[in-house]
C-alpha cells in the first residue's frame, strides 16, 4: 500500500520472540545444572575429577535434546509477552518487568500442573530453585535480546549549535 509507513516493530518483536524461543530452554538448563553446584559446594571447592567445567559440559550435552521438550512452552509464552511489549513500544528496549512477571506466571502454571499431577507441592527449596531457574533464563534472554537490538535503536537527531 502506498503511503503506509512501518516502524519495524513487527520485525523487532519477532526477533525478540526468536531469542526467547531459541535461547530460553538452554539457558534454563544451564541454570538448572549450575545453580546447585554454585549454591552447595561453590565452584572453587570442586576437585579435578569432578570439576565444574566437565560437569556442566556433560550435563548440558545430556540435557540439550530435552531442554526444548521441558522448557519450550515456557520460553514461547515468555517470548510472546516480550515480543508484544517490544512491538508496543519499539523505540525502547525490551521491558524487564513484564518479562520477569511472565517468567513467574509460567512457572506458576508449571507448578499448578505438577500439583494437579502429584497432588502435593514440592518442598519450598525446590520451588525456589525452579523459580530462580525460570527467572534466570528470562533475564538472560532479556539481556541477549536487548544486546541484539541495541544497534538498531532509534537515536535522536544530532542538534547542531
N, C-alpha and C. Protein backbone atom coordinates (compact mmCIF):
# COMPACT_ATOMS: atom_id res chain seq x y z
N UNK A 1 0.84 -1.18 0.00
CA UNK A 1 0.00 0.00 0.00
C UNK A 1 0.88 1.24 0.00
N UNK A 2 0.54 2.14 -0.82
CA UNK A 2 1.30 3.38 -0.91
C UNK A 2 0.99 4.27 0.29
N UNK A 3 1.99 4.91 0.81
CA UNK A 3 1.80 5.85 1.89
C UNK A 3 1.81 5.23 3.28
N UNK A 4 1.89 3.90 3.39
CA UNK A 4 1.92 3.26 4.70
C UNK A 4 3.37 3.15 5.15
N UNK A 5 3.64 3.67 6.33
CA UNK A 5 4.99 3.61 6.86
C UNK A 5 5.02 2.60 8.00
N UNK A 6 6.03 1.79 7.98
CA UNK A 6 6.20 0.84 9.07
C UNK A 6 7.41 1.24 9.87
N UNK A 7 7.36 0.93 11.13
CA UNK A 7 8.47 1.29 12.02
C UNK A 7 9.35 0.10 12.36
N UNK A 8 9.06 -1.06 11.78
CA UNK A 8 9.88 -2.24 12.04
C UNK A 8 9.57 -2.91 13.36
N UNK A 9 8.47 -2.50 14.01
CA UNK A 9 8.17 -3.08 15.32
C UNK A 9 7.82 -4.56 15.21
N UNK A 10 7.20 -4.97 14.10
CA UNK A 10 6.88 -6.38 13.92
C UNK A 10 8.13 -7.23 13.80
N UNK A 11 9.10 -6.74 13.07
CA UNK A 11 10.37 -7.45 12.92
C UNK A 11 11.10 -7.52 14.25
N UNK A 12 11.13 -6.41 14.96
CA UNK A 12 11.81 -6.39 16.26
C UNK A 12 11.12 -7.33 17.24
N UNK A 13 9.80 -7.34 17.24
CA UNK A 13 9.06 -8.24 18.12
C UNK A 13 9.31 -9.70 17.78
N UNK A 14 9.41 -10.01 16.48
CA UNK A 14 9.69 -11.38 16.06
C UNK A 14 11.10 -11.80 16.45
N UNK A 15 12.06 -10.89 16.35
CA UNK A 15 13.44 -11.19 16.77
C UNK A 15 13.48 -11.50 18.26
N UNK A 16 12.75 -10.71 19.04
CA UNK A 16 12.70 -10.95 20.49
C UNK A 16 12.08 -12.31 20.78
N UNK A 17 10.99 -12.64 20.10
CA UNK A 17 10.35 -13.95 20.29
C UNK A 17 11.32 -15.08 19.96
N UNK A 18 12.06 -14.94 18.85
CA UNK A 18 13.02 -15.98 18.47
C UNK A 18 14.14 -16.14 19.49
N UNK A 19 14.61 -15.01 20.04
CA UNK A 19 15.66 -15.10 21.05
C UNK A 19 15.17 -15.91 22.24
N UNK A 20 13.97 -15.63 22.71
CA UNK A 20 13.44 -16.37 23.86
C UNK A 20 13.19 -17.82 23.51
N UNK A 21 12.66 -18.07 22.32
CA UNK A 21 12.32 -19.45 21.95
C UNK A 21 13.57 -20.30 21.72
N UNK A 22 14.60 -19.73 21.12
CA UNK A 22 15.81 -20.50 20.80
C UNK A 22 16.76 -20.59 22.00
N UNK A 23 16.94 -19.49 22.72
CA UNK A 23 17.94 -19.47 23.78
C UNK A 23 17.38 -19.71 25.18
N UNK A 24 16.07 -19.59 25.37
CA UNK A 24 15.48 -19.75 26.70
C UNK A 24 15.68 -21.13 27.30
N UNK A 25 15.31 -22.20 26.59
CA UNK A 25 15.49 -23.54 27.20
C UNK A 25 16.95 -23.90 27.50
N UNK A 26 17.93 -23.61 26.61
CA UNK A 26 19.31 -23.93 27.01
C UNK A 26 19.80 -23.10 28.19
N UNK A 27 19.40 -21.82 28.26
CA UNK A 27 19.79 -21.01 29.42
C UNK A 27 19.18 -21.56 30.70
N UNK A 28 17.93 -22.02 30.61
CA UNK A 28 17.30 -22.63 31.77
C UNK A 28 17.98 -23.91 32.20
N UNK A 29 18.37 -24.73 31.23
CA UNK A 29 19.08 -25.98 31.56
C UNK A 29 20.44 -25.68 32.18
N UNK A 30 21.13 -24.69 31.64
CA UNK A 30 22.43 -24.31 32.21
C UNK A 30 22.25 -23.82 33.65
N UNK A 31 21.21 -22.99 33.87
CA UNK A 31 20.96 -22.51 35.23
C UNK A 31 20.58 -23.65 36.16
N UNK A 32 19.82 -24.61 35.64
CA UNK A 32 19.42 -25.75 36.46
C UNK A 32 20.62 -26.61 36.86
N UNK A 33 21.60 -26.71 35.99
CA UNK A 33 22.79 -27.51 36.29
C UNK A 33 23.78 -26.71 37.14
N UNK A 34 23.95 -25.43 36.83
CA UNK A 34 24.97 -24.63 37.51
C UNK A 34 24.54 -24.13 38.88
N UNK A 35 23.25 -23.85 39.07
CA UNK A 35 22.80 -23.27 40.34
C UNK A 35 23.06 -24.19 41.53
N UNK A 36 22.71 -25.47 41.48
CA UNK A 36 23.00 -26.32 42.66
C UNK A 36 24.48 -26.43 42.97
N UNK A 37 25.32 -26.44 41.94
CA UNK A 37 26.77 -26.51 42.18
C UNK A 37 27.23 -25.26 42.90
N UNK A 38 26.81 -24.12 42.40
CA UNK A 38 27.25 -22.86 42.98
C UNK A 38 26.68 -22.68 44.39
N UNK A 39 25.49 -23.15 44.62
CA UNK A 39 24.87 -22.96 45.93
C UNK A 39 25.37 -23.95 46.98
N UNK A 40 25.69 -25.17 46.59
CA UNK A 40 26.06 -26.16 47.60
C UNK A 40 27.55 -26.18 47.89
N UNK A 41 28.36 -26.36 46.86
CA UNK A 41 29.79 -26.51 47.11
C UNK A 41 30.60 -25.31 46.69
N UNK A 42 30.07 -24.51 45.82
CA UNK A 42 30.85 -23.41 45.29
C UNK A 42 31.77 -23.92 44.20
N UNK A 43 32.01 -23.12 43.22
CA UNK A 43 32.83 -23.55 42.10
C UNK A 43 34.30 -23.71 42.47
N UNK A 44 34.75 -23.02 43.49
CA UNK A 44 36.16 -23.11 43.87
C UNK A 44 36.48 -24.40 44.61
N UNK A 45 35.50 -25.04 45.22
CA UNK A 45 35.74 -26.23 46.04
C UNK A 45 35.70 -27.54 45.26
N UNK A 46 35.36 -27.51 43.99
CA UNK A 46 35.31 -28.74 43.21
C UNK A 46 36.71 -29.20 42.84
N UNK A 47 36.94 -30.48 42.91
CA UNK A 47 38.26 -31.06 42.63
C UNK A 47 38.34 -31.54 41.19
N UNK A 48 39.55 -31.77 40.64
CA UNK A 48 39.73 -32.09 39.23
C UNK A 48 38.89 -33.23 38.65
N UNK A 49 38.70 -34.37 39.31
CA UNK A 49 37.90 -35.37 38.62
C UNK A 49 36.44 -34.94 38.45
N UNK A 50 35.97 -34.05 39.30
CA UNK A 50 34.60 -33.58 39.22
C UNK A 50 34.59 -32.06 39.10
N UNK A 51 35.35 -31.54 38.18
CA UNK A 51 35.43 -30.09 38.04
C UNK A 51 34.12 -29.55 37.49
N UNK A 52 33.88 -28.28 37.75
CA UNK A 52 32.63 -27.65 37.34
C UNK A 52 32.50 -27.64 35.82
N UNK A 53 33.60 -27.38 35.12
CA UNK A 53 33.52 -27.30 33.65
C UNK A 53 33.14 -28.65 33.04
N UNK A 54 33.75 -29.73 33.53
CA UNK A 54 33.42 -31.03 32.95
C UNK A 54 32.00 -31.45 33.32
N UNK A 55 31.57 -31.13 34.53
CA UNK A 55 30.21 -31.48 34.93
C UNK A 55 29.18 -30.71 34.11
N UNK A 56 29.38 -29.41 33.96
CA UNK A 56 28.44 -28.59 33.20
C UNK A 56 28.44 -29.00 31.74
N UNK A 57 29.62 -29.28 31.18
CA UNK A 57 29.69 -29.70 29.78
C UNK A 57 28.95 -31.02 29.57
N UNK A 58 29.16 -31.97 30.45
CA UNK A 58 28.49 -33.26 30.32
C UNK A 58 26.99 -33.16 30.56
N UNK A 59 26.59 -32.39 31.56
CA UNK A 59 25.17 -32.26 31.86
C UNK A 59 24.45 -31.49 30.77
N UNK A 60 25.07 -30.45 30.25
CA UNK A 60 24.40 -29.68 29.20
C UNK A 60 24.28 -30.51 27.92
N UNK A 61 25.25 -31.38 27.63
CA UNK A 61 25.12 -32.25 26.47
C UNK A 61 23.98 -33.24 26.68
N UNK A 62 23.84 -33.76 27.89
CA UNK A 62 22.77 -34.71 28.18
C UNK A 62 21.40 -34.03 28.10
N UNK A 63 21.30 -32.81 28.59
CA UNK A 63 20.02 -32.13 28.63
C UNK A 63 19.64 -31.45 27.31
N UNK A 64 20.58 -31.28 26.39
CA UNK A 64 20.31 -30.47 25.20
C UNK A 64 19.12 -30.93 24.37
N UNK A 65 18.91 -32.22 24.10
CA UNK A 65 17.73 -32.58 23.32
C UNK A 65 16.43 -32.41 24.12
N UNK A 66 16.52 -32.50 25.42
CA UNK A 66 15.33 -32.47 26.25
C UNK A 66 14.92 -31.07 26.69
N UNK A 67 15.83 -30.09 26.56
CA UNK A 67 15.51 -28.76 27.08
C UNK A 67 14.32 -28.15 26.36
N UNK A 68 14.19 -28.42 25.07
CA UNK A 68 13.08 -27.84 24.33
C UNK A 68 11.77 -28.55 24.64
N UNK A 69 11.85 -29.82 25.04
CA UNK A 69 10.64 -30.54 25.43
C UNK A 69 10.11 -29.98 26.75
N UNK A 70 11.01 -29.77 27.71
CA UNK A 70 10.59 -29.32 29.04
C UNK A 70 10.47 -27.81 29.17
N UNK A 71 11.22 -27.05 28.38
CA UNK A 71 11.20 -25.60 28.54
C UNK A 71 10.69 -24.83 27.35
N UNK A 72 10.32 -25.52 26.29
CA UNK A 72 9.90 -24.83 25.07
C UNK A 72 8.62 -24.04 25.22
N UNK A 73 7.64 -24.61 25.91
CA UNK A 73 6.36 -23.91 26.07
C UNK A 73 6.53 -22.68 26.95
N UNK A 74 7.28 -22.81 28.04
CA UNK A 74 7.51 -21.66 28.90
C UNK A 74 8.26 -20.57 28.15
N UNK A 75 9.28 -20.95 27.38
CA UNK A 75 10.04 -19.96 26.63
C UNK A 75 9.18 -19.29 25.57
N UNK A 76 8.30 -20.06 24.95
CA UNK A 76 7.40 -19.48 23.95
C UNK A 76 6.47 -18.45 24.58
N UNK A 77 5.89 -18.78 25.72
CA UNK A 77 4.96 -17.86 26.37
C UNK A 77 5.66 -16.58 26.84
N UNK A 78 6.82 -16.72 27.44
CA UNK A 78 7.56 -15.53 27.88
C UNK A 78 8.02 -14.73 26.66
N UNK A 79 8.43 -15.42 25.60
CA UNK A 79 8.82 -14.73 24.37
C UNK A 79 7.67 -13.98 23.72
N UNK A 80 6.46 -14.54 23.78
CA UNK A 80 5.29 -13.83 23.25
C UNK A 80 5.04 -12.54 24.02
N UNK A 81 5.16 -12.59 25.33
CA UNK A 81 4.98 -11.38 26.14
C UNK A 81 6.07 -10.36 25.82
N UNK A 82 7.32 -10.81 25.74
CA UNK A 82 8.41 -9.89 25.44
C UNK A 82 8.28 -9.30 24.04
N UNK A 83 7.91 -10.13 23.06
CA UNK A 83 7.73 -9.63 21.70
C UNK A 83 6.58 -8.65 21.61
N UNK A 84 5.48 -8.92 22.32
CA UNK A 84 4.35 -7.98 22.32
C UNK A 84 4.73 -6.66 22.96
N UNK A 85 5.50 -6.71 24.04
CA UNK A 85 5.96 -5.47 24.68
C UNK A 85 6.88 -4.69 23.74
N UNK A 86 7.71 -5.40 23.01
CA UNK A 86 8.62 -4.73 22.08
C UNK A 86 7.84 -4.11 20.92
N UNK A 87 6.82 -4.79 20.45
CA UNK A 87 6.02 -4.25 19.36
C UNK A 87 5.21 -3.04 19.81
N UNK A 88 4.83 -3.03 21.08
CA UNK A 88 4.04 -1.91 21.58
C UNK A 88 4.87 -0.64 21.70
N UNK A 89 6.12 -0.77 22.09
CA UNK A 89 6.99 0.41 22.19
C UNK A 89 8.34 0.08 21.56
N UNK A 90 8.42 0.11 20.22
CA UNK A 90 9.65 -0.31 19.54
C UNK A 90 10.83 0.63 19.72
N UNK A 91 10.58 1.86 20.15
CA UNK A 91 11.68 2.80 20.31
C UNK A 91 12.46 2.55 21.59
N UNK A 92 11.92 1.74 22.47
CA UNK A 92 12.57 1.49 23.76
C UNK A 92 13.12 0.08 23.80
N UNK A 93 14.02 -0.19 24.74
CA UNK A 93 14.48 -1.57 24.91
C UNK A 93 13.34 -2.46 25.41
N UNK A 94 13.54 -3.76 25.32
CA UNK A 94 12.54 -4.71 25.83
C UNK A 94 12.41 -4.48 27.32
N UNK A 95 11.18 -4.37 27.80
CA UNK A 95 10.92 -4.09 29.21
C UNK A 95 11.22 -5.33 30.06
N UNK A 96 11.89 -5.12 31.17
CA UNK A 96 12.29 -6.23 32.04
C UNK A 96 11.13 -6.72 32.91
N UNK A 97 10.36 -5.82 33.49
CA UNK A 97 9.32 -6.23 34.42
C UNK A 97 8.28 -7.17 33.80
N UNK A 98 7.75 -6.91 32.59
CA UNK A 98 6.82 -7.88 32.01
C UNK A 98 7.47 -9.24 31.72
N UNK A 99 8.74 -9.23 31.37
CA UNK A 99 9.45 -10.49 31.10
C UNK A 99 9.58 -11.31 32.38
N UNK A 100 9.98 -10.67 33.47
CA UNK A 100 10.10 -11.39 34.74
C UNK A 100 8.73 -11.83 35.26
N UNK A 101 7.71 -10.99 35.08
CA UNK A 101 6.37 -11.36 35.50
C UNK A 101 5.87 -12.56 34.70
N UNK A 102 6.12 -12.56 33.39
CA UNK A 102 5.71 -13.69 32.55
C UNK A 102 6.47 -14.95 32.94
N UNK A 103 7.75 -14.82 33.27
CA UNK A 103 8.52 -15.97 33.74
C UNK A 103 7.96 -16.54 35.02
N UNK A 104 7.57 -15.67 35.95
CA UNK A 104 6.99 -16.14 37.21
C UNK A 104 5.62 -16.78 36.99
N UNK A 105 4.82 -16.20 36.10
CA UNK A 105 3.49 -16.75 35.84
C UNK A 105 3.60 -18.11 35.14
N UNK A 106 4.52 -18.24 34.18
CA UNK A 106 4.67 -19.54 33.52
C UNK A 106 5.16 -20.59 34.52
N UNK A 107 6.03 -20.20 35.45
CA UNK A 107 6.43 -21.17 36.46
C UNK A 107 5.26 -21.52 37.36
N UNK A 108 4.42 -20.53 37.68
CA UNK A 108 3.23 -20.82 38.48
C UNK A 108 2.32 -21.82 37.78
N UNK A 109 2.16 -21.68 36.47
CA UNK A 109 1.37 -22.65 35.71
C UNK A 109 2.00 -24.03 35.73
N UNK A 110 3.32 -24.07 35.58
CA UNK A 110 4.05 -25.34 35.64
C UNK A 110 3.86 -25.98 37.02
N UNK A 111 3.93 -25.16 38.07
CA UNK A 111 3.77 -25.65 39.43
C UNK A 111 2.35 -26.18 39.66
N UNK A 112 1.35 -25.49 39.12
CA UNK A 112 -0.03 -25.97 39.25
C UNK A 112 -0.24 -27.29 38.52
N UNK A 113 0.35 -27.43 37.34
CA UNK A 113 0.24 -28.70 36.63
C UNK A 113 0.91 -29.83 37.42
N UNK A 114 2.05 -29.53 38.01
CA UNK A 114 2.74 -30.53 38.82
C UNK A 114 1.92 -30.89 40.05
N UNK A 115 1.29 -29.89 40.66
CA UNK A 115 0.44 -30.15 41.82
C UNK A 115 -0.77 -31.00 41.43
N UNK A 116 -1.35 -30.71 40.27
CA UNK A 116 -2.50 -31.48 39.80
C UNK A 116 -2.11 -32.94 39.54
N UNK A 117 -0.90 -33.14 39.03
CA UNK A 117 -0.42 -34.48 38.73
C UNK A 117 -0.07 -35.25 40.01
N UNK A 118 0.64 -34.61 40.94
CA UNK A 118 1.16 -35.30 42.11
C UNK A 118 0.31 -35.12 43.37
N UNK A 119 -0.62 -34.21 43.35
CA UNK A 119 -1.50 -33.91 44.50
C UNK A 119 -0.73 -33.41 45.72
N UNK A 120 0.45 -32.89 45.51
CA UNK A 120 1.19 -32.26 46.60
C UNK A 120 2.21 -31.29 46.00
N UNK A 121 2.50 -30.27 46.74
CA UNK A 121 3.50 -29.30 46.29
C UNK A 121 4.90 -29.79 46.62
N UNK A 122 5.89 -29.43 45.78
CA UNK A 122 7.26 -29.77 46.15
C UNK A 122 7.72 -28.97 47.37
N UNK A 123 8.86 -29.34 47.88
CA UNK A 123 9.42 -28.63 49.03
C UNK A 123 9.72 -27.18 48.64
N UNK A 124 9.71 -26.27 49.61
CA UNK A 124 9.96 -24.85 49.30
C UNK A 124 11.31 -24.60 48.63
N UNK A 125 12.33 -25.39 48.99
CA UNK A 125 13.64 -25.20 48.36
C UNK A 125 13.57 -25.53 46.87
N UNK A 126 12.82 -26.56 46.52
CA UNK A 126 12.68 -26.94 45.11
C UNK A 126 11.89 -25.88 44.36
N UNK A 127 10.86 -25.35 44.99
CA UNK A 127 10.07 -24.28 44.37
C UNK A 127 10.95 -23.07 44.09
N UNK A 128 11.75 -22.66 45.07
CA UNK A 128 12.63 -21.50 44.88
C UNK A 128 13.71 -21.77 43.84
N UNK A 129 14.23 -22.99 43.81
CA UNK A 129 15.25 -23.33 42.81
C UNK A 129 14.68 -23.20 41.40
N UNK A 130 13.53 -23.80 41.15
CA UNK A 130 12.96 -23.75 39.81
C UNK A 130 12.44 -22.36 39.46
N UNK A 131 11.97 -21.60 40.44
CA UNK A 131 11.57 -20.22 40.17
C UNK A 131 12.80 -19.40 39.76
N UNK A 132 13.92 -19.62 40.44
CA UNK A 132 15.14 -18.90 40.07
C UNK A 132 15.64 -19.34 38.70
N UNK A 133 15.45 -20.60 38.34
CA UNK A 133 15.84 -21.06 37.00
C UNK A 133 14.99 -20.37 35.94
N UNK A 134 13.68 -20.30 36.15
CA UNK A 134 12.80 -19.64 35.19
C UNK A 134 13.13 -18.15 35.07
N UNK A 135 13.30 -17.50 36.21
CA UNK A 135 13.61 -16.06 36.17
C UNK A 135 15.01 -15.80 35.63
N UNK A 136 15.94 -16.69 35.92
CA UNK A 136 17.29 -16.53 35.38
C UNK A 136 17.33 -16.68 33.87
N UNK A 137 16.60 -17.66 33.35
CA UNK A 137 16.54 -17.83 31.89
C UNK A 137 15.83 -16.65 31.24
N UNK A 138 14.76 -16.16 31.87
CA UNK A 138 14.06 -14.99 31.33
C UNK A 138 14.96 -13.77 31.33
N UNK A 139 15.72 -13.57 32.42
CA UNK A 139 16.64 -12.43 32.49
C UNK A 139 17.75 -12.56 31.44
N UNK A 140 18.29 -13.76 31.28
CA UNK A 140 19.34 -13.95 30.28
C UNK A 140 18.86 -13.68 28.87
N UNK A 141 17.67 -14.15 28.54
CA UNK A 141 17.10 -13.89 27.22
C UNK A 141 16.80 -12.40 27.03
N UNK A 142 16.29 -11.76 28.08
CA UNK A 142 16.04 -10.32 28.03
C UNK A 142 17.32 -9.56 27.72
N UNK A 143 18.38 -9.93 28.40
CA UNK A 143 19.66 -9.27 28.20
C UNK A 143 20.18 -9.49 26.78
N UNK A 144 20.11 -10.71 26.28
CA UNK A 144 20.58 -11.01 24.93
C UNK A 144 19.73 -10.29 23.89
N UNK A 145 18.41 -10.28 24.07
CA UNK A 145 17.53 -9.59 23.12
C UNK A 145 17.83 -8.10 23.07
N UNK A 146 18.05 -7.49 24.22
CA UNK A 146 18.38 -6.06 24.22
C UNK A 146 19.74 -5.79 23.59
N UNK A 147 20.69 -6.70 23.81
CA UNK A 147 22.01 -6.52 23.17
C UNK A 147 21.92 -6.68 21.66
N UNK A 148 21.07 -7.60 21.18
CA UNK A 148 20.90 -7.76 19.74
C UNK A 148 20.21 -6.56 19.10
N UNK A 149 19.27 -5.98 19.82
CA UNK A 149 18.52 -4.85 19.27
C UNK A 149 19.20 -3.51 19.49
N UNK A 150 20.24 -3.47 20.29
CA UNK A 150 20.92 -2.20 20.61
C UNK A 150 21.41 -1.46 19.37
N UNK A 151 22.04 -2.10 18.40
CA UNK A 151 22.49 -1.33 17.22
C UNK A 151 21.34 -0.75 16.39
N UNK A 152 20.14 -1.28 16.54
CA UNK A 152 19.00 -0.82 15.74
C UNK A 152 18.08 0.12 16.50
N UNK A 153 18.54 0.63 17.64
CA UNK A 153 17.71 1.53 18.42
C UNK A 153 17.53 2.85 17.69
N UNK A 154 16.49 3.54 18.03
CA UNK A 154 16.25 4.85 17.43
C UNK A 154 17.07 5.88 18.17
N UNK A 155 17.68 6.73 17.42
CA UNK A 155 18.50 7.78 18.01
C UNK A 155 17.88 9.13 17.68
N UNK A 156 18.03 10.03 18.61
CA UNK A 156 17.57 11.39 18.35
C UNK A 156 18.54 12.05 17.37
N UNK A 157 18.02 12.83 16.45
CA UNK A 157 18.93 13.51 15.51
C UNK A 157 19.83 14.49 16.27
N UNK A 158 21.04 14.57 15.82
CA UNK A 158 22.00 15.48 16.45
C UNK A 158 21.61 16.91 16.14
N UNK A 159 21.72 17.75 17.15
CA UNK A 159 21.37 19.17 17.00
C UNK A 159 22.66 19.95 16.89
N UNK A 160 22.80 20.65 15.81
CA UNK A 160 23.99 21.48 15.59
C UNK A 160 23.76 22.86 16.18
N UNK A 161 24.67 23.32 17.00
CA UNK A 161 24.53 24.67 17.58
C UNK A 161 25.58 25.59 17.07
